[in-house]
Amino acid sequence: MNVQELYDLLSKQLTEMETRYTKRFEVLESQLGSVDSRLRNVEIDIAEIKGRKAGWESARNWIATGISLVALGVAIAVALWK
């Protein structure tokens, strides 16, 4: 085997390896994009859950305030009744 044949063989193998790894890289890049998309969906879901939780806490606080005001009104009415 002379130098030119060796060079051609190595060049061919290098090209095949480059093609193989390029394809693998493209597959991994595609999978990463899919994972990134799912991660964004999870982040959106977490933000929605936090928003709902804040809404429920606000509603709970308003209900507690309303109950306290009703109890205060009843206490005042009872005090004035006597």
PDB file of N, CA and C in Angstrom:
ATOM      1  N   MET A   1       0.859  -1.172   0.000  1.00  0.00           N
ATOM      2  CA  MET A   1       0.000   0.000   0.000  1.00  0.00           C
ATOM      3  C   MET A   1       0.903   1.233   0.000  1.00  0.00           C
ATOM      4  N   ASN A   2       0.680   2.075  -0.963  1.00  0.00           N
ATOM      5  CA  ASN A   2       1.505   3.272  -1.031  1.00  0.00           C
ATOM      6  C   ASN A   2       0.841   4.417  -0.247  1.00  0.00           C
ATOM      7  N   VAL A   3       1.517   5.525  -0.218  1.00  0.00           N
ATOM      8  CA  VAL A   3       1.060   6.666   0.573  1.00  0.00           C
ATOM      9  C   VAL A   3      -0.273   7.195   0.060  1.00  0.00           C
ATOM     10  N   GLN A   4      -0.451   7.245  -1.232  1.00  0.00           N
ATOM     11  CA  GLN A   4      -1.698   7.767  -1.807  1.00  0.00           C
ATOM     12  C   GLN A   4      -2.880   6.881  -1.437  1.00  0.00           C
ATOM     13  N   GLU A   5      -2.705   5.569  -1.506  1.00  0.00           N
ATOM     14  CA  GLU A   5      -3.787   4.646  -1.144  1.00  0.00           C
ATOM     15  C   GLU A   5      -4.136   4.781   0.336  1.00  0.00           C
ATOM     16  N   LEU A   6      -3.094   4.896   1.159  1.00  0.00           N
ATOM     17  CA  LEU A   6      -3.313   5.073   2.596  1.00  0.00           C
ATOM     18  C   LEU A   6      -4.060   6.379   2.864  1.00  0.00           C
ATOM     19  N   TYR A   7      -3.647   7.426   2.183  1.00  0.00           N
ATOM     20  CA  TYR A   7      -4.322   8.722   2.326  1.00  0.00           C
ATOM     21  C   TYR A   7      -5.787   8.621   1.904  1.00  0.00           C
ATOM     22  N   ASP A   8      -6.061   7.972   0.784  1.00  0.00           N
ATOM     23  CA  ASP A   8      -7.433   7.812   0.293  1.00  0.00           C
ATOM     24  C   ASP A   8      -8.279   7.009   1.276  1.00  0.00           C
ATOM     25  N   LEU A   9      -7.694   5.934   1.821  1.00  0.00           N
ATOM     26  CA  LEU A   9      -8.413   5.103   2.784  1.00  0.00           C
ATOM     27  C   LEU A   9      -8.747   5.896   4.047  1.00  0.00           C
ATOM     28  N   LEU A  10      -7.765   6.594   4.565  1.00  0.00           N
ATOM     29  CA  LEU A  10      -7.997   7.401   5.772  1.00  0.00           C
ATOM     30  C   LEU A  10      -8.993   8.525   5.507  1.00  0.00           C
ATOM     31  N   SER A  11      -8.906   9.122   4.348  1.00  0.00           N
ATOM     32  CA  SER A  11      -9.836  10.187   3.979  1.00  0.00           C
ATOM     33  C   SER A  11     -11.262   9.653   3.902  1.00  0.00           C
ATOM     34  N   LYS A  12     -11.407   8.473   3.311  1.00  0.00           N
ATOM     35  CA  LYS A  12     -12.728   7.852   3.201  1.00  0.00           C
ATOM     36  C   LYS A  12     -13.287   7.519   4.587  1.00  0.00           C
ATOM     37  N   GLN A  13     -12.445   6.950   5.450  1.00  0.00           N
ATOM     38  CA  GLN A  13     -12.892   6.608   6.802  1.00  0.00           C
ATOM     39  C   GLN A  13     -13.269   7.862   7.591  1.00  0.00           C
ATOM     40  N   LEU A  14     -12.481   8.894   7.424  1.00  0.00           N
ATOM     41  CA  LEU A  14     -12.775  10.151   8.110  1.00  0.00           C
ATOM     42  C   LEU A  14     -14.098  10.736   7.639  1.00  0.00           C
ATOM     43  N   THR A  15     -14.349  10.678   6.342  1.00  0.00           N
ATOM     44  CA  THR A  15     -15.616  11.173   5.791  1.00  0.00           C
ATOM     45  C   THR A  15     -16.792  10.364   6.328  1.00  0.00           C
ATOM     46  N   GLU A  16     -16.640   9.038   6.398  1.00  0.00           N
ATOM     47  CA  GLU A  16     -17.700   8.185   6.938  1.00  0.00           C
ATOM     48  C   GLU A  16     -17.970   8.499   8.410  1.00  0.00           C
ATOM     49  N   MET A  17     -16.897   8.677   9.176  1.00  0.00           N
ATOM     50  CA  MET A  17     -17.056   9.010  10.595  1.00  0.00           C
ATOM     51  C   MET A  17     -17.747  10.365  10.752  1.00  0.00           C
ATOM     52  N   GLU A  18     -17.335  11.318   9.940  1.00  0.00           N
ATOM     53  CA  GLU A  18     -17.939  12.648  10.001  1.00  0.00           C
ATOM     54  C   GLU A  18     -19.432  12.572   9.692  1.00  0.00           C
ATOM     55  N   THR A  19     -19.793  11.798   8.675  1.00  0.00           N
ATOM     56  CA  THR A  19     -21.202  11.626   8.312  1.00  0.00           C
ATOM     57  C   THR A  19     -21.975  10.973   9.449  1.00  0.00           C
ATOM     58  N   ARG A  20     -21.396   9.912  10.019  1.00  0.00           N
ATOM     59  CA  ARG A  20     -22.053   9.197  11.115  1.00  0.00           C
ATOM     60  C   ARG A  20     -22.266  10.113  12.325  1.00  0.00           C
ATOM     61  N   TYR A  21     -21.223  10.833  12.711  1.00  0.00           N
ATOM     62  CA  TYR A  21     -21.341  11.704  13.877  1.00  0.00           C
ATOM     63  C   TYR A  21     -22.226  12.916  13.606  1.00  0.00           C
ATOM     64  N   THR A  22     -22.240  13.377  12.367  1.00  0.00           N
ATOM     65  CA  THR A  22     -23.149  14.472  12.014  1.00  0.00           C
ATOM     66  C   THR A  22     -24.591  14.025  12.173  1.00  0.00           C
ATOM     67  N   LYS A  23     -24.886  12.806  11.711  1.00  0.00           N
ATOM     68  CA  LYS A  23     -26.244  12.277  11.864  1.00  0.00           C
ATOM     69  C   LYS A  23     -26.596  12.109  13.334  1.00  0.00           C
ATOM     70  N   ARG A  24     -25.667  11.587  14.121  1.00  0.00           N
ATOM     71  CA  ARG A  24     -25.915  11.433  15.561  1.00  0.00           C
ATOM     72  C   ARG A  24     -26.150  12.793  16.214  1.00  0.00           C
ATOM     73  N   PHE A  25     -25.335  13.761  15.832  1.00  0.00           N
ATOM     74  CA  PHE A  25     -25.487  15.102  16.383  1.00  0.00           C
ATOM     75  C   PHE A  25     -26.858  15.677  16.041  1.00  0.00           C
ATOM     76  N   GLU A  26     -27.299  15.474  14.795  1.00  0.00           N
ATOM     77  CA  GLU A  26     -28.609  15.980  14.387  1.00  0.00           C
ATOM     78  C   GLU A  26     -29.724  15.315  15.183  1.00  0.00           C
ATOM     79  N   VAL A  27     -29.597  14.009  15.434  1.00  0.00           N
ATOM     80  CA  VAL A  27     -30.598  13.301  16.239  1.00  0.00           C
ATOM     81  C   VAL A  27     -30.602  13.846  17.665  1.00  0.00           C
ATOM     82  N   LEU A  28     -29.419  13.998  18.243  1.00  0.00           N
ATOM     83  CA  LEU A  28     -29.335  14.525  19.611  1.00  0.00           C
ATOM     84  C   LEU A  28     -29.869  15.952  19.692  1.00  0.00           C
ATOM     85  N   GLU A  29     -29.559  16.739  18.677  1.00  0.00           N
ATOM     86  CA  GLU A  29     -30.052  18.118  18.637  1.00  0.00           C
ATOM     87  C   GLU A  29     -31.579  18.134  18.566  1.00  0.00           C
ATOM     88  N   SER A  30     -32.144  17.241  17.794  1.00  0.00           N
ATOM     89  CA  SER A  30     -33.600  17.131  17.688  1.00  0.00           C
ATOM     90  C   SER A  30     -34.204  16.714  19.024  1.00  0.00           C
ATOM     91  N   GLN A  31     -33.582  15.739  19.672  1.00  0.00           N
ATOM     92  CA  GLN A  31     -34.075  15.287  20.975  1.00  0.00           C
ATOM     93  C   GLN A  31     -33.966  16.403  22.002  1.00  0.00           C
ATOM     94  N   LEU A  32     -32.886  17.159  21.949  1.00  0.00           N
ATOM     95  CA  LEU A  32     -32.714  18.276  22.871  1.00  0.00           C
ATOM     96  C   LEU A  32     -33.795  19.325  22.652  1.00  0.00           C
ATOM     97  N   GLY A  33     -34.129  19.584  21.398  1.00  0.00           N
ATOM     98  CA  GLY A  33     -35.207  20.528  21.101  1.00  0.00           C
ATOM     99  C   GLY A  33     -36.521  20.042  21.667  1.00  0.00           C
ATOM    100  N   SER A  34     -36.761  18.739  21.573  1.00  0.00           N
ATOM    101  CA  SER A  34     -37.987  18.156  22.117  1.00  0.00           C
ATOM    102  C   SER A  34     -38.015  18.287  23.636  1.00  0.00           C
ATOM    103  N   VAL A  35     -36.881  18.012  24.274  1.00  0.00           N
ATOM    104  CA  VAL A  35     -36.795  18.138  25.734  1.00  0.00           C
ATOM    105  C   VAL A  35     -36.970  19.593  26.140  1.00  0.00           C
ATOM    106  N   ASP A  36     -36.355  20.503  25.394  1.00  0.00           N
ATOM    107  CA  ASP A  36     -36.476  21.929  25.688  1.00  0.00           C
ATOM    108  C   ASP A  36     -37.928  22.375  25.584  1.00  0.00           C
ATOM    109  N   SER A  37     -38.621  21.888  24.576  1.00  0.00           N
ATOM    110  CA  SER A  37     -40.037  22.224  24.402  1.00  0.00           C
ATOM    111  C   SER A  37     -40.864  21.703  25.575  1.00  0.00           C
ATOM    112  N   ARG A  38     -40.605  20.460  25.983  1.00  0.00           N
ATOM    113  CA  ARG A  38     -41.336  19.901  27.129  1.00  0.00           C
ATOM    114  C   ARG A  38     -41.019  20.667  28.404  1.00  0.00           C
ATOM    115  N   LEU A  39     -39.765  21.083  28.562  1.00  0.00           N
ATOM    116  CA  LEU A  39     -39.379  21.856  29.739  1.00  0.00           C
ATOM    117  C   LEU A  39     -40.125  23.188  29.770  1.00  0.00           C
ATOM    118  N   ARG A  40     -40.250  23.842  28.616  1.00  0.00           N
ATOM    119  CA  ARG A  40     -41.012  25.094  28.562  1.00  0.00           C
ATOM    120  C   ARG A  40     -42.469  24.858  28.940  1.00  0.00           C
ATOM    121  N   ASN A  41     -43.044  23.741  28.481  1.00  0.00           N
ATOM    122  CA  ASN A  41     -44.430  23.418  28.842  1.00  0.00           C
ATOM    123  C   ASN A  41     -44.567  23.208  30.341  1.00  0.00           C
ATOM    124  N   VAL A  42     -43.591  22.550  30.958  1.00  0.00           N
ATOM    125  CA  VAL A  42     -43.620  22.340  32.409  1.00  0.00           C
ATOM    126  C   VAL A  42     -43.506  23.676  33.130  1.00  0.00           C
ATOM    127  N   GLU A  43     -42.633  24.557  32.649  1.00  0.00           N
ATOM    128  CA  GLU A  43     -42.492  25.878  33.269  1.00  0.00           C
ATOM    129  C   GLU A  43     -43.800  26.659  33.177  1.00  0.00           C
ATOM    130  N   ILE A  44     -44.485  26.555  32.045  1.00  0.00           N
ATOM    131  CA  ILE A  44     -45.782  27.226  31.883  1.00  0.00           C
ATOM    132  C   ILE A  44     -46.795  26.638  32.851  1.00  0.00           C
ATOM    133  N   ASP A  45     -46.809  25.301  32.978  1.00  0.00           N
ATOM    134  CA  ASP A  45     -47.729  24.645  33.911  1.00  0.00           C
ATOM    135  C   ASP A  45     -47.464  25.089  35.343  1.00  0.00           C
ATOM    136  N   ILE A  46     -46.199  25.186  35.726  1.00  0.00           N
ATOM    137  CA  ILE A  46     -45.844  25.623  37.079  1.00  0.00           C
ATOM    138  C   ILE A  46     -46.326  27.050  37.309  1.00  0.00           C
ATOM    139  N   ALA A  47     -46.137  27.919  36.330  1.00  0.00           N
ATOM    140  CA  ALA A  47     -46.592  29.306  36.463  1.00  0.00           C
ATOM    141  C   ALA A  47     -48.112  29.364  36.608  1.00  0.00           C
ATOM    142  N   GLU A  48     -48.832  28.528  35.843  1.00  0.00           N
ATOM    143  CA  GLU A  48     -50.295  28.499  35.956  1.00  0.00           C
ATOM    144  C   GLU A  48     -50.727  28.011  37.329  1.00  0.00           C
ATOM    145  N   ILE A  49     -50.056  26.991  37.848  1.00  0.00           N
ATOM    146  CA  ILE A  49     -50.393  26.464  39.174  1.00  0.00           C
ATOM    147  C   ILE A  49     -50.128  27.520  40.239  1.00  0.00           C
ATOM    148  N   LYS A  50     -49.002  28.213  40.135  1.00  0.00           N
ATOM    149  CA  LYS A  50     -48.704  29.278  41.098  1.00  0.00           C
ATOM    150  C   LYS A  50     -49.761  30.378  41.027  1.00  0.00           C
ATOM    151  N   GLY A  51     -50.202  30.709  39.811  1.00  0.00           N
ATOM    152  CA  GLY A  51     -51.243  31.729  39.649  1.00  0.00           C
ATOM    153  C   GLY A  51     -52.552  31.289  40.275  1.00  0.00           C
ATOM    154  N   ARG A  52     -52.920  30.025  40.058  1.00  0.00           N
ATOM    155  CA  ARG A  52     -54.153  29.512  40.670  1.00  0.00           C
ATOM    156  C   ARG A  52     -54.044  29.503  42.183  1.00  0.00           C
ATOM    157  N   LYS A  53     -52.877  29.099  42.684  1.00  0.00           N
ATOM    158  CA  LYS A  53     -52.671  29.059  44.136  1.00  0.00           C
ATOM    159  C   LYS A  53     -52.824  30.461  44.717  1.00  0.00           C
ATOM    160  N   ALA A  54     -52.233  31.446  44.056  1.00  0.00           N
ATOM    161  CA  ALA A  54     -52.352  32.827  44.528  1.00  0.00           C
ATOM    162  C   ALA A  54     -53.808  33.274  44.485  1.00  0.00           C
ATOM    163  N   GLY A  55     -54.530  32.864  43.446  1.00  0.00           N
ATOM    164  CA  GLY A  55     -55.950  33.210  43.347  1.00  0.00           C
ATOM    165  C   GLY A  55     -56.756  32.591  44.474  1.00  0.00           C
ATOM    166  N   TRP A  56     -56.487  31.309  44.769  1.00  0.00           N
ATOM    167  CA  TRP A  56     -57.199  30.641  45.863  1.00  0.00           C
ATOM    168  C   TRP A  56     -56.855  31.272  47.205  1.00  0.00           C
ATOM    169  N   GLU A  57     -55.593  31.642  47.411  1.00  0.00           N
ATOM    170  CA  GLU A  57     -55.204  32.282  48.667  1.00  0.00           C
ATOM    171  C   GLU A  57     -55.904  33.629  48.811  1.00  0.00           C
ATOM    172  N   SER A  58     -55.992  34.375  47.731  1.00  0.00           N
ATOM    173  CA  SER A  58     -56.683  35.661  47.770  1.00  0.00           C
ATOM    174  C   SER A  58     -58.160  35.466  48.091  1.00  0.00           C
ATOM    175  N   ALA A  59     -58.786  34.490  47.426  1.00  0.00           N
ATOM    176  CA  ALA A  59     -60.206  34.214  47.693  1.00  0.00           C
ATOM    177  C   ALA A  59     -60.402  33.774  49.133  1.00  0.00           C
ATOM    178  N   ARG A  60     -59.519  32.927  49.621  1.00  0.00           N
ATOM    179  CA  ARG A  60     -59.614  32.460  51.009  1.00  0.00           C
ATOM    180  C   ARG A  60     -59.488  33.635  51.981  1.00  0.00           C
ATOM    181  N   ASN A  61     -58.581  34.552  51.693  1.00  0.00           N
ATOM    182  CA  ASN A  61     -58.422  35.729  52.558  1.00  0.00           C
ATOM    183  C   ASN A  61     -59.678  36.596  52.539  1.00  0.00           C
ATOM    184  N   TRP A  62     -60.283  36.782  51.356  1.00  0.00           N
ATOM    185  CA  TRP A  62     -61.511  37.576  51.275  1.00  0.00           C
ATOM    186  C   TRP A  62     -62.652  36.895  52.024  1.00  0.00           C
ATOM    187  N   ILE A  63     -62.750  35.576  51.909  1.00  0.00           N
ATOM    188  CA  ILE A  63     -63.800  34.839  52.628  1.00  0.00           C
ATOM    189  C   ILE A  63     -63.587  34.970  54.128  1.00  0.00           C
ATOM    190  N   ALA A  64     -62.345  34.821  54.585  1.00  0.00           N
ATOM    191  CA  ALA A  64     -62.050  34.958  56.018  1.00  0.00           C
ATOM    192  C   ALA A  64     -62.385  36.364  56.501  1.00  0.00           C
ATOM    193  N   THR A  65     -62.076  37.367  55.691  1.00  0.00           N
ATOM    194  CA  THR A  65     -62.410  38.747  56.057  1.00  0.00           C
ATOM    195  C   THR A  65     -63.922  38.924  56.140  1.00  0.00           C
ATOM    196  N   GLY A  66     -64.639  38.361  55.173  1.00  0.00           N
ATOM    197  CA  GLY A  66     -66.106  38.453  55.185  1.00  0.00           C
ATOM    198  C   GLY A  66     -66.700  37.783  56.411  1.00  0.00           C
ATOM    199  N   ILE A  67     -66.209  36.604  56.747  1.00  0.00           N
ATOM    200  CA  ILE A  67     -66.713  35.900  57.941  1.00  0.00           C
ATOM    201  C   ILE A  67     -66.419  36.711  59.191  1.00  0.00           C
ATOM    202  N   SER A  68     -65.233  37.288  59.272  1.00  0.00           N
ATOM    203  CA  SER A  68     -64.880  38.115  60.432  1.00  0.00           C
ATOM    204  C   SER A  68     -65.802  39.323  60.541  1.00  0.00           C
ATOM    205  N   LEU A  69     -66.106  39.964  59.413  1.00  0.00           N
ATOM    206  CA  LEU A  69     -67.001  41.124  59.436  1.00  0.00           C
ATOM    207  C   LEU A  69     -68.417  40.726  59.843  1.00  0.00           C
ATOM    208  N   VAL A  70     -68.891  39.571  59.368  1.00  0.00           N
ATOM    209  CA  VAL A  70     -70.219  39.091  59.767  1.00  0.00           C
ATOM    210  C   VAL A  70     -70.235  38.810  61.261  1.00  0.00           C
ATOM    211  N   ALA A  71     -69.181  38.148  61.762  1.00  0.00           N
ATOM    212  CA  ALA A  71     -69.107  37.855  63.199  1.00  0.00           C
ATOM    213  C   ALA A  71     -69.071  39.146  64.007  1.00  0.00           C
ATOM    214  N   LEU A  72     -68.343  40.137  63.536  1.00  0.00           N
ATOM    215  CA  LEU A  72     -68.291  41.430  64.221  1.00  0.00           C
ATOM    216  C   LEU A  72     -69.661  42.094  64.212  1.00  0.00           C
ATOM    217  N   GLY A  73     -70.345  42.031  63.067  1.00  0.00           N
ATOM    218  CA  GLY A  73     -71.693  42.603  62.977  1.00  0.00           C
ATOM    219  C   GLY A  73     -72.653  41.906  63.919  1.00  0.00           C
ATOM    220  N   VAL A  74     -72.581  40.587  63.999  1.00  0.00           N
ATOM    221  CA  VAL A  74     -73.447  39.837  64.920  1.00  0.00           C
ATOM    222  C   VAL A  74     -73.125  40.220  66.355  1.00  0.00           C
ATOM    223  N   ALA A  75     -71.845  40.328  66.692  1.00  0.00           N
ATOM    224  CA  ALA A  75     -71.455  40.697  68.058  1.00  0.00           C
ATOM    225  C   ALA A  75     -71.963  42.093  68.405  1.00  0.00           C
ATOM    226  N   ILE A  76     -71.872  43.025  67.479  1.00  0.00           N
ATOM    227  CA  ILE A  76     -72.370  44.389  67.727  1.00  0.00           C
ATOM    228  C   ILE A  76     -73.884  44.370  67.879  1.00  0.00           C
ATOM    229  N   ALA A  77     -74.562  43.606  67.019  1.00  0.00           N
ATOM    230  CA  ALA A  77     -76.027  43.522  67.103  1.00  0.00           C
ATOM    231  C   ALA A  77     -76.458  42.926  68.431  1.00  0.00           C
ATOM    232  N   VAL A  78     -75.783  41.892  68.879  1.00  0.00           N
ATOM    233  CA  VAL A  78     -76.122  41.270  70.171  1.00  0.00           C
ATOM    234  C   VAL A  78     -75.858  42.251  71.296  1.00  0.00           C
ATOM    235  N   ALA A  79     -74.735  42.988  71.221  1.00  0.00           N
ATOM    236  CA  ALA A  79     -74.406  43.951  72.273  1.00  0.00           C
ATOM    237  C   ALA A  79     -75.435  45.076  72.313  1.00  0.00           C
ATOM    238  N   LEU A  80     -75.887  45.521  71.148  1.00  0.00           N
ATOM    239  CA  LEU A  80     -76.877  46.598  71.116  1.00  0.00           C
ATOM    240  C   LEU A  80     -78.265  46.094  71.496  1.00  0.00           C
ATOM    241  N   TRP A  81     -78.543  44.850  71.255  1.00  0.00           N
ATOM    242  CA  TRP A  81     -79.846  44.265  71.566  1.00  0.00           C
ATOM    243  C   TRP A  81     -80.080  44.238  73.061  1.00  0.00           C
ATOM    244  N   LYS A  82     -79.029  43.991  73.809  1.00  0.00           N
ATOM    245  CA  LYS A  82     -79.164  43.875  75.261  1.00  0.00           C
ATOM    246  C   LYS A  82     -79.255  45.209  75.835  1.00  0.00           C
TER     247      LYS A  82
END
